[in-house]
Protein backbone atom coordinates (compact mmCIF):
# COMPACT_ATOMS: atom_id res chain seq x y z
CA MET A 1 -0.04 -0.07 0.21
CA SER A 2 2.88 2.51 0.88
CA ILE A 3 4.95 1.89 -2.31
CA GLN A 4 6.23 5.21 -4.18
CA GLY A 5 7.09 5.74 -7.31
CA GLY A 6 6.72 8.50 -10.10
CA LYS A 7 5.17 11.88 -9.47
CA TYR A 8 2.51 10.89 -7.90
CA GLY A 9 4.21 9.24 -4.85
CA THR A 10 1.67 5.98 -3.78
CA ALA A 11 -1.60 4.77 -5.52
CA LEU A 12 -3.60 6.69 -2.65
CA GLN A 13 -1.71 9.89 -3.36
CA ALA A 14 -2.75 9.04 -7.64
CA ALA A 15 -5.93 8.49 -7.08
CA SER A 16 -6.60 11.29 -4.55
CA SER A 17 -5.23 14.04 -7.05
CA GLU A 18 -7.05 12.17 -10.01
CA GLY A 19 -10.57 12.52 -7.78
CA ARG A 20 -10.95 8.52 -7.69
CA LEU A 21 -13.06 8.42 -4.96
CA ASP A 22 -14.02 4.84 -5.22
CA ILE A 23 -10.51 3.90 -5.00
CA VAL A 24 -9.30 6.59 -2.54
CA LYS A 25 -11.76 4.34 -0.52
CA LEU A 26 -10.54 1.36 -1.10
CA LEU A 27 -7.37 2.23 -0.66
CA VAL A 28 -8.49 3.27 2.91
CA GLU A 29 -10.14 0.52 3.94
CA LYS A 30 -7.27 -1.28 3.35
CA GLU A 31 -5.45 0.86 5.84
CA ALA A 32 -3.38 2.48 3.07
CA ASP A 33 -0.83 5.43 5.33
CA ILE A 34 -3.08 8.50 4.61
CA ASN A 35 -0.38 10.76 6.00
CA LEU A 36 2.22 9.01 3.72
CA GLN A 37 4.38 12.06 1.66
CA GLY A 38 5.64 11.24 -1.47
CA GLY A 39 5.67 12.06 -5.58
CA LYS A 40 5.30 15.77 -6.55
CA TYR A 41 1.92 16.47 -4.34
CA GLY A 42 2.79 15.20 -0.92
CA THR A 43 0.19 13.69 1.26
CA ALA A 44 -2.76 12.31 0.05
CA LEU A 45 -4.79 15.49 1.18
CA GLN A 46 -2.37 17.57 -0.32
CA ALA A 47 -2.95 15.69 -3.63
CA ALA A 48 -6.78 15.78 -3.19
CA SER A 49 -6.15 19.66 -2.50
CA TRP A 50 -4.55 20.62 -5.41
CA GLY A 51 -6.87 18.47 -7.52
CA GLY A 52 -10.18 20.51 -6.02
CA ASN A 53 -11.19 17.07 -5.32
CA LEU A 54 -13.46 17.90 -2.51
CA ASP A 55 -15.07 15.22 -1.78
CA ILE A 56 -12.03 13.15 -1.03
CA MET A 57 -10.75 15.93 1.05
CA LYS A 58 -13.53 15.31 3.32
CA LEU A 59 -13.22 11.72 3.08
CA LEU A 60 -9.39 11.96 4.14
CA LEU A 61 -10.41 14.14 6.57
CA GLU A 62 -12.65 12.27 8.32
CA LYS A 63 -10.08 9.62 8.93
CA ARG A 64 -8.04 11.83 10.23
CA ALA A 65 -5.76 13.07 8.03
CA ASP A 66 -2.97 15.73 9.48
CA ILE A 67 -3.70 18.80 7.98
CA ASN A 68 -0.51 19.81 9.90
CA VAL A 69 1.75 18.30 7.55
CA GLN A 70 4.27 20.64 6.22
CA GLY A 71 3.44 20.80 2.37
CA ARG A 72 5.83 21.11 -0.98
CA ASN A 73 6.65 24.10 -3.31
CA TYR A 74 4.28 23.88 -6.22
CA PHE A 75 5.20 26.42 -8.00
């Protein structure tokens, strides 16, 4: 669940960025680390925010995503 690679980092970060709520739910149910940093977008919450995916942000916050994790420079 936490293998990293490419610009997204993990599968959870990729699904969060691309708005794939179905996949995010599955990965969270399988206990993917929601606060793991990696790839271009940092955490899954940051990736969802970058992609404008509010439903995914809400889900991750309900699952206790850490809002205090330092982000990356997106510019």
